[in-house]
Amino acid sequence: MSIRTADIHRAIAFYQTLDFEVIERFTTGYTLGCWLEGAAGRLELIQIPDPHPPPDAFSDEHYVGYYHLSLDVTDDLCADQTLSTWLEQWRERLESASMTLRVLLYPMVQVMGNHTYHVAFVADADGLPLELLHNLDPISSPPPDSLN
């Protein structure tokens, strides 16, 4: 996944709080870029000169295009931890890095496929939606209106 950012240094600091680490920095001819790797895979960040605000993909139900990055944080949670308490700990990590956690949707239960999740949405350093998933448990069969 490649993310265009207004401030690559701020974006790197944000994703590092999610345990992504910079593996390579580069220029793309006219701007800065980098690759980060974490448990969720590789992200590419590209700094955009003279950036414009991103569209509101989260709130605009008619928006077509990049919607959000989805991260399963299940393995990051301790046995007695919930997505809500994990978010609070992440909020503290962000605050210690002089950043603020902006929650777009607080954790709620959602069935997707044959699993039940706690799902939350937050905004990244540029305001782009980021979905966080905590896999609660598999269900015995998919709901009747599934796409199977």
N, C-alpha and C. Protein backbone atom coordinates (compact mmCIF):
# COMPACT_ATOMS: atom_id res chain seq x y z
N MET A 1 0.86 -1.16 0.00
CA MET A 1 0.00 0.00 0.00
C MET A 1 0.90 1.22 0.00
N SER A 2 0.56 2.18 -0.83
CA SER A 2 1.29 3.43 -0.89
C SER A 2 0.38 4.56 -0.42
N ILE A 3 0.91 5.38 0.47
CA ILE A 3 0.14 6.49 1.05
C ILE A 3 0.86 7.79 0.73
N ARG A 4 0.13 8.72 0.15
CA ARG A 4 0.67 10.05 -0.11
C ARG A 4 0.42 10.89 1.14
N THR A 5 1.46 11.56 1.61
CA THR A 5 1.38 12.28 2.86
C THR A 5 1.85 13.73 2.71
N ALA A 6 1.30 14.60 3.53
CA ALA A 6 1.70 16.01 3.53
C ALA A 6 3.03 16.19 4.26
N ASP A 7 3.35 15.31 5.21
CA ASP A 7 4.55 15.44 6.03
C ASP A 7 5.08 14.04 6.33
N ILE A 8 6.08 13.61 5.59
CA ILE A 8 6.57 12.24 5.71
C ILE A 8 7.13 11.94 7.10
N HIS A 9 7.74 12.93 7.73
CA HIS A 9 8.32 12.70 9.06
C HIS A 9 7.22 12.47 10.09
N ARG A 10 6.14 13.24 10.01
CA ARG A 10 4.99 13.06 10.91
C ARG A 10 4.32 11.71 10.65
N ALA A 11 4.18 11.33 9.37
CA ALA A 11 3.56 10.05 9.02
C ALA A 11 4.42 8.87 9.51
N ILE A 12 5.73 8.97 9.35
CA ILE A 12 6.62 7.91 9.85
C ILE A 12 6.44 7.77 11.36
N ALA A 13 6.47 8.88 12.08
CA ALA A 13 6.31 8.83 13.54
C ALA A 13 4.98 8.19 13.93
N PHE A 14 3.92 8.50 13.20
CA PHE A 14 2.61 7.92 13.48
C PHE A 14 2.63 6.41 13.29
N TYR A 15 3.10 5.94 12.15
CA TYR A 15 3.08 4.49 11.87
C TYR A 15 4.09 3.73 12.73
N GLN A 16 5.13 4.40 13.19
CA GLN A 16 6.05 3.73 14.12
C GLN A 16 5.36 3.41 15.44
N THR A 17 4.35 4.18 15.83
CA THR A 17 3.62 3.85 17.06
C THR A 17 2.77 2.59 16.87
N LEU A 18 2.63 2.14 15.62
CA LEU A 18 1.94 0.87 15.32
C LEU A 18 2.96 -0.22 14.98
N ASP A 19 4.20 -0.02 15.39
CA ASP A 19 5.30 -0.97 15.22
C ASP A 19 5.74 -1.18 13.78
N PHE A 20 5.51 -0.19 12.93
CA PHE A 20 6.13 -0.20 11.60
C PHE A 20 7.50 0.43 11.75
N GLU A 21 8.48 -0.11 11.03
CA GLU A 21 9.84 0.43 11.07
C GLU A 21 10.28 0.77 9.66
N VAL A 22 11.01 1.86 9.54
CA VAL A 22 11.54 2.28 8.24
C VAL A 22 12.61 1.29 7.82
N ILE A 23 12.45 0.75 6.60
CA ILE A 23 13.49 -0.17 6.09
C ILE A 23 14.30 0.47 4.98
N GLU A 24 13.74 1.52 4.35
CA GLU A 24 14.50 2.23 3.32
C GLU A 24 13.90 3.61 3.09
N ARG A 25 14.79 4.59 2.93
CA ARG A 25 14.40 5.96 2.59
C ARG A 25 14.91 6.23 1.18
N PHE A 26 14.15 7.01 0.40
CA PHE A 26 14.56 7.29 -0.97
C PHE A 26 13.89 8.57 -1.45
N THR A 27 14.31 9.03 -2.61
CA THR A 27 13.62 10.13 -3.28
C THR A 27 12.99 9.57 -4.54
N THR A 28 11.89 10.17 -4.93
CA THR A 28 11.19 9.71 -6.14
C THR A 28 11.42 10.67 -7.29
N GLY A 29 12.50 11.40 -7.24
CA GLY A 29 12.81 12.38 -8.27
C GLY A 29 12.51 13.79 -7.82
N TYR A 30 11.36 13.99 -7.19
CA TYR A 30 11.00 15.34 -6.77
C TYR A 30 10.58 15.40 -5.30
N THR A 31 10.55 14.28 -4.63
CA THR A 31 10.06 14.30 -3.26
C THR A 31 10.64 13.13 -2.47
N LEU A 32 10.38 13.12 -1.17
CA LEU A 32 10.86 12.07 -0.28
C LEU A 32 9.91 10.89 -0.25
N GLY A 33 10.47 9.72 -0.04
CA GLY A 33 9.67 8.51 0.11
C GLY A 33 10.37 7.55 1.06
N CYS A 34 9.62 6.56 1.52
CA CYS A 34 10.22 5.51 2.35
C CYS A 34 9.33 4.28 2.34
N TRP A 35 9.93 3.17 2.70
CA TRP A 35 9.19 1.94 2.93
C TRP A 35 9.25 1.63 4.42
N LEU A 36 8.11 1.25 4.96
CA LEU A 36 8.02 0.80 6.34
C LEU A 36 7.52 -0.63 6.32
N GLU A 37 7.99 -1.44 7.25
CA GLU A 37 7.48 -2.80 7.39
C GLU A 37 7.04 -3.04 8.82
N GLY A 38 5.99 -3.85 8.94
CA GLY A 38 5.46 -4.25 10.23
C GLY A 38 4.74 -5.57 10.08
N ALA A 39 4.10 -6.00 11.14
CA ALA A 39 3.38 -7.27 11.10
C ALA A 39 2.32 -7.29 10.01
N ALA A 40 1.77 -6.13 9.66
CA ALA A 40 0.72 -6.05 8.64
C ALA A 40 1.28 -5.97 7.22
N GLY A 41 2.60 -5.96 7.07
CA GLY A 41 3.19 -5.89 5.75
C GLY A 41 3.97 -4.62 5.52
N ARG A 42 4.05 -4.22 4.26
CA ARG A 42 4.86 -3.06 3.86
C ARG A 42 3.96 -1.89 3.48
N LEU A 43 4.36 -0.71 3.96
CA LEU A 43 3.73 0.54 3.57
C LEU A 43 4.77 1.39 2.85
N GLU A 44 4.32 2.12 1.85
CA GLU A 44 5.17 3.10 1.20
C GLU A 44 4.58 4.47 1.50
N LEU A 45 5.41 5.38 1.94
CA LEU A 45 4.99 6.76 2.17
C LEU A 45 5.68 7.65 1.15
N ILE A 46 4.91 8.53 0.52
CA ILE A 46 5.42 9.49 -0.43
C ILE A 46 4.97 10.88 0.02
N GLN A 47 5.93 11.77 0.23
CA GLN A 47 5.57 13.14 0.63
C GLN A 47 5.19 13.93 -0.61
N ILE A 48 4.06 14.63 -0.54
CA ILE A 48 3.55 15.41 -1.66
C ILE A 48 3.83 16.89 -1.43
N PRO A 49 4.58 17.51 -2.34
CA PRO A 49 4.80 18.95 -2.21
C PRO A 49 3.47 19.69 -2.45
N ASP A 50 3.26 20.76 -1.76
CA ASP A 50 2.05 21.57 -1.89
C ASP A 50 0.78 20.71 -1.81
N PRO A 51 0.61 19.97 -0.70
CA PRO A 51 -0.52 19.03 -0.60
C PRO A 51 -1.87 19.74 -0.45
N HIS A 52 -2.90 19.07 -0.92
CA HIS A 52 -4.28 19.50 -0.73
C HIS A 52 -4.90 18.59 0.32
N PRO A 53 -5.92 19.03 1.04
CA PRO A 53 -6.56 18.14 2.02
C PRO A 53 -7.16 16.92 1.31
N PRO A 54 -7.09 15.75 1.96
CA PRO A 54 -7.66 14.55 1.34
C PRO A 54 -9.19 14.63 1.35
N PRO A 55 -9.86 13.91 0.44
CA PRO A 55 -11.33 13.84 0.50
C PRO A 55 -11.75 13.11 1.77
N ASP A 56 -12.95 13.33 2.19
CA ASP A 56 -13.46 12.68 3.41
C ASP A 56 -14.05 11.31 3.05
N ALA A 57 -13.16 10.34 2.82
CA ALA A 57 -13.59 9.01 2.39
C ALA A 57 -14.45 8.31 3.45
N PHE A 58 -14.24 8.64 4.71
CA PHE A 58 -14.97 7.96 5.79
C PHE A 58 -16.41 8.43 5.88
N SER A 59 -16.65 9.72 5.76
CA SER A 59 -18.00 10.26 5.96
C SER A 59 -18.80 10.41 4.67
N ASP A 60 -18.14 10.44 3.51
CA ASP A 60 -18.85 10.63 2.25
C ASP A 60 -19.26 9.27 1.70
N GLU A 61 -20.55 8.93 1.84
CA GLU A 61 -21.01 7.60 1.42
C GLU A 61 -21.00 7.41 -0.10
N HIS A 62 -20.73 8.46 -0.87
CA HIS A 62 -20.69 8.36 -2.32
C HIS A 62 -19.25 8.36 -2.86
N TYR A 63 -18.29 8.49 -1.97
CA TYR A 63 -16.89 8.52 -2.37
C TYR A 63 -16.48 7.19 -2.99
N VAL A 64 -15.74 7.26 -4.10
CA VAL A 64 -15.19 6.06 -4.75
C VAL A 64 -13.68 6.22 -4.77
N GLY A 65 -12.97 5.18 -4.39
CA GLY A 65 -11.50 5.21 -4.39
C GLY A 65 -10.97 4.61 -3.10
N TYR A 66 -9.72 4.95 -2.78
CA TYR A 66 -9.11 4.45 -1.55
C TYR A 66 -10.05 4.75 -0.39
N TYR A 67 -10.39 3.72 0.37
CA TYR A 67 -11.29 3.93 1.50
C TYR A 67 -10.51 3.94 2.81
N HIS A 68 -9.82 2.84 3.09
CA HIS A 68 -9.04 2.81 4.32
C HIS A 68 -8.06 1.65 4.31
N LEU A 69 -7.05 1.78 5.13
CA LEU A 69 -6.12 0.72 5.43
C LEU A 69 -6.72 -0.06 6.60
N SER A 70 -6.68 -1.37 6.54
CA SER A 70 -7.27 -2.20 7.59
C SER A 70 -6.15 -2.99 8.26
N LEU A 71 -6.05 -2.85 9.59
CA LEU A 71 -5.02 -3.57 10.35
C LEU A 71 -5.67 -4.45 11.40
N ASP A 72 -5.30 -5.71 11.41
CA ASP A 72 -5.77 -6.65 12.43
C ASP A 72 -4.78 -6.57 13.58
N VAL A 73 -5.23 -6.06 14.71
CA VAL A 73 -4.35 -5.89 15.88
C VAL A 73 -4.54 -7.00 16.91
N THR A 74 -5.25 -8.06 16.54
CA THR A 74 -5.57 -9.15 17.46
C THR A 74 -4.32 -9.67 18.18
N ASP A 75 -3.24 -9.90 17.43
CA ASP A 75 -2.03 -10.45 18.03
C ASP A 75 -1.31 -9.46 18.94
N ASP A 76 -1.65 -8.17 18.83
CA ASP A 76 -1.03 -7.14 19.67
C ASP A 76 -1.70 -7.03 21.04
N LEU A 77 -2.90 -7.59 21.18
CA LEU A 77 -3.65 -7.48 22.43
C LEU A 77 -3.25 -8.58 23.40
N CYS A 78 -3.15 -8.23 24.67
CA CYS A 78 -2.92 -9.22 25.71
C CYS A 78 -4.21 -10.01 25.91
N ALA A 79 -4.11 -11.13 26.60
CA ALA A 79 -5.26 -12.02 26.77
C ALA A 79 -6.47 -11.33 27.39
N ASP A 80 -6.27 -10.42 28.34
CA ASP A 80 -7.39 -9.77 29.02
C ASP A 80 -7.67 -8.36 28.48
N GLN A 81 -7.08 -8.02 27.34
CA GLN A 81 -7.21 -6.68 26.79
C GLN A 81 -8.33 -6.61 25.74
N THR A 82 -8.98 -5.46 25.66
CA THR A 82 -10.00 -5.22 24.65
C THR A 82 -9.44 -4.22 23.64
N LEU A 83 -10.15 -4.06 22.54
CA LEU A 83 -9.73 -3.06 21.57
C LEU A 83 -9.79 -1.66 22.18
N SER A 84 -10.76 -1.42 23.04
CA SER A 84 -10.88 -0.11 23.71
C SER A 84 -9.65 0.18 24.58
N THR A 85 -9.22 -0.80 25.37
CA THR A 85 -8.05 -0.56 26.23
C THR A 85 -6.78 -0.45 25.39
N TRP A 86 -6.71 -1.22 24.29
CA TRP A 86 -5.56 -1.12 23.38
C TRP A 86 -5.50 0.29 22.77
N LEU A 87 -6.67 0.83 22.39
CA LEU A 87 -6.72 2.20 21.84
C LEU A 87 -6.24 3.22 22.87
N GLU A 88 -6.61 3.03 24.12
CA GLU A 88 -6.16 3.96 25.17
C GLU A 88 -4.65 3.90 25.33
N GLN A 89 -4.06 2.70 25.27
CA GLN A 89 -2.61 2.59 25.36
C GLN A 89 -1.93 3.21 24.15
N TRP A 90 -2.55 3.04 22.98
CA TRP A 90 -2.00 3.66 21.77
C TRP A 90 -2.09 5.18 21.86
N ARG A 91 -3.22 5.66 22.40
CA ARG A 91 -3.38 7.11 22.60
C ARG A 91 -2.21 7.66 23.43
N GLU A 92 -1.84 6.94 24.48
CA GLU A 92 -0.72 7.36 25.32
C GLU A 92 0.59 7.37 24.55
N ARG A 93 0.83 6.34 23.70
CA ARG A 93 2.05 6.30 22.89
C ARG A 93 2.09 7.49 21.93
N LEU A 94 0.94 7.78 21.32
CA LEU A 94 0.87 8.91 20.40
C LEU A 94 1.12 10.23 21.14
N GLU A 95 0.50 10.39 22.30
CA GLU A 95 0.69 11.63 23.07
C GLU A 95 2.15 11.81 23.46
N SER A 96 2.83 10.71 23.79
CA SER A 96 4.25 10.82 24.15
C SER A 96 5.09 11.22 22.93
N ALA A 97 4.54 11.02 21.72
CA ALA A 97 5.21 11.46 20.49
C ALA A 97 4.62 12.77 19.98
N SER A 98 3.88 13.47 20.85
CA SER A 98 3.26 14.76 20.53
C SER A 98 2.23 14.68 19.39
N MET A 99 1.50 13.57 19.35
CA MET A 99 0.43 13.39 18.37
C MET A 99 -0.86 13.08 19.11
N THR A 100 -1.96 13.27 18.41
CA THR A 100 -3.28 13.04 18.99
C THR A 100 -3.98 11.92 18.24
N LEU A 101 -4.65 11.04 18.98
CA LEU A 101 -5.46 9.99 18.37
C LEU A 101 -6.84 10.56 18.09
N ARG A 102 -7.23 10.54 16.82
CA ARG A 102 -8.57 10.99 16.44
C ARG A 102 -9.40 9.77 16.07
N VAL A 103 -10.36 9.43 16.93
CA VAL A 103 -11.21 8.25 16.70
C VAL A 103 -12.39 8.67 15.84
N LEU A 104 -12.58 7.95 14.73
CA LEU A 104 -13.70 8.20 13.83
C LEU A 104 -14.91 7.35 14.19
N LEU A 105 -14.64 6.15 14.69
CA LEU A 105 -15.69 5.23 15.12
C LEU A 105 -15.14 4.40 16.27
N TYR A 106 -15.77 4.52 17.43
CA TYR A 106 -15.32 3.75 18.59
C TYR A 106 -15.63 2.27 18.41
N PRO A 107 -14.91 1.39 19.10
CA PRO A 107 -15.08 -0.04 18.90
C PRO A 107 -16.53 -0.50 19.00
N MET A 108 -16.90 -1.32 18.02
CA MET A 108 -18.22 -1.91 17.99
C MET A 108 -18.09 -3.33 17.45
N VAL A 109 -19.04 -4.18 17.81
CA VAL A 109 -19.02 -5.57 17.35
C VAL A 109 -19.57 -5.62 15.93
N GLN A 110 -18.89 -6.37 15.09
CA GLN A 110 -19.33 -6.54 13.71
C GLN A 110 -19.00 -7.96 13.26
N VAL A 111 -19.94 -8.60 12.58
CA VAL A 111 -19.71 -9.92 12.00
C VAL A 111 -19.30 -9.72 10.55
N MET A 112 -18.16 -10.29 10.19
CA MET A 112 -17.68 -10.25 8.80
C MET A 112 -17.27 -11.66 8.42
N GLY A 113 -17.93 -12.19 7.38
CA GLY A 113 -17.64 -13.57 7.00
C GLY A 113 -18.04 -14.50 8.12
N ASN A 114 -17.12 -15.34 8.53
CA ASN A 114 -17.43 -16.27 9.62
C ASN A 114 -16.71 -15.91 10.92
N HIS A 115 -16.44 -14.62 11.11
CA HIS A 115 -15.78 -14.16 12.34
C HIS A 115 -16.52 -12.97 12.93
N THR A 116 -16.38 -12.83 14.24
CA THR A 116 -16.91 -11.68 14.96
C THR A 116 -15.72 -10.82 15.37
N TYR A 117 -15.82 -9.53 15.10
CA TYR A 117 -14.73 -8.60 15.38
C TYR A 117 -15.22 -7.44 16.23
N HIS A 118 -14.30 -6.85 16.98
CA HIS A 118 -14.46 -5.49 17.45
C HIS A 118 -13.78 -4.65 16.37
N VAL A 119 -14.47 -3.63 15.89
CA VAL A 119 -13.97 -2.79 14.81
C VAL A 119 -13.96 -1.34 15.28
N ALA A 120 -12.88 -0.65 14.99
CA ALA A 120 -12.79 0.78 15.28
C ALA A 120 -12.14 1.45 14.07
N PHE A 121 -12.43 2.73 13.89
CA PHE A 121 -11.78 3.52 12.85
C PHE A 121 -11.13 4.73 13.51
N VAL A 122 -9.92 5.02 13.07
CA VAL A 122 -9.19 6.20 13.53
C VAL A 122 -8.67 6.92 12.29
N ALA A 123 -8.17 8.14 12.48
CA ALA A 123 -7.56 8.89 11.40
C ALA A 123 -6.04 8.82 11.56
N ASP A 124 -5.34 8.63 10.44
CA ASP A 124 -3.89 8.62 10.51
C ASP A 124 -3.36 10.06 10.58
N ALA A 125 -2.08 10.24 10.42
CA ALA A 125 -1.46 11.56 10.57
C ALA A 125 -1.96 12.57 9.56
N ASP A 126 -2.48 12.10 8.42
CA ASP A 126 -3.02 12.99 7.39
C ASP A 126 -4.53 13.02 7.38
N GLY A 127 -5.17 12.34 8.34
CA GLY A 127 -6.62 12.32 8.40
C GLY A 127 -7.26 11.19 7.60
N LEU A 128 -6.44 10.29 7.04
CA LEU A 128 -6.98 9.17 6.27
C LEU A 128 -7.51 8.10 7.22
N PRO A 129 -8.65 7.46 6.86
CA PRO A 129 -9.22 6.45 7.76
C PRO A 129 -8.34 5.21 7.86
N LEU A 130 -8.28 4.68 9.06
CA LEU A 130 -7.52 3.48 9.37
C LEU A 130 -8.43 2.59 10.21
N GLU A 131 -8.72 1.38 9.71
CA GLU A 131 -9.59 0.44 10.42
C GLU A 131 -8.73 -0.47 11.29
N LEU A 132 -9.18 -0.66 12.53
CA LEU A 132 -8.50 -1.56 13.46
C LEU A 132 -9.46 -2.69 13.80
N LEU A 133 -8.97 -3.92 13.67
CA LEU A 133 -9.79 -5.11 13.90
C LEU A 133 -9.23 -5.94 15.04
N HIS A 134 -10.12 -6.41 15.90
CA HIS A 134 -9.77 -7.38 16.94
C HIS A 134 -10.68 -8.58 16.72
N ASN A 135 -10.10 -9.69 16.27
CA ASN A 135 -10.86 -10.91 15.98
C ASN A 135 -11.28 -11.55 17.30
N LEU A 136 -12.58 -11.57 17.57
CA LEU A 136 -13.08 -12.11 18.83
C LEU A 136 -13.20 -13.63 18.78
N ASP A 137 -13.81 -14.15 17.74
CA ASP A 137 -13.93 -15.61 17.61
C ASP A 137 -14.62 -15.95 16.31
N PRO A 138 -14.39 -17.18 15.81
CA PRO A 138 -15.12 -17.59 14.61
C PRO A 138 -16.57 -17.93 14.98
N ILE A 139 -17.47 -17.74 14.02
CA ILE A 139 -18.85 -18.17 14.23
C ILE A 139 -19.05 -19.44 13.43
N SER A 140 -20.06 -20.22 13.76
CA SER A 140 -20.22 -21.54 13.16
C SER A 140 -20.52 -21.49 11.67
N SER A 141 -21.27 -20.51 11.21
CA SER A 141 -21.54 -20.40 9.77
C SER A 141 -21.75 -18.94 9.43
N PRO A 142 -21.47 -18.56 8.17
CA PRO A 142 -21.65 -17.16 7.79
C PRO A 142 -23.11 -16.76 7.84
N PRO A 143 -23.38 -15.48 8.07
CA PRO A 143 -24.76 -15.02 8.08
C PRO A 143 -25.41 -15.28 6.73
N PRO A 144 -26.75 -15.42 6.70
CA PRO A 144 -27.43 -15.78 5.48
C PRO A 144 -27.28 -14.77 4.34
N ASP A 145 -26.99 -13.51 4.64
CA ASP A 145 -26.87 -12.52 3.57
C ASP A 145 -25.42 -12.32 3.14
N SER A 146 -24.55 -13.29 3.44
CA SER A 146 -23.14 -13.15 3.07
C SER A 146 -22.97 -13.31 1.56
N LEU A 147 -21.79 -12.99 1.07
CA LEU A 147 -21.52 -13.05 -0.35
C LEU A 147 -21.05 -14.43 -0.81
N ASN A 148 -21.16 -15.44 0.04
CA ASN A 148 -20.72 -16.79 -0.35
C ASN A 148 -21.63 -17.37 -1.39
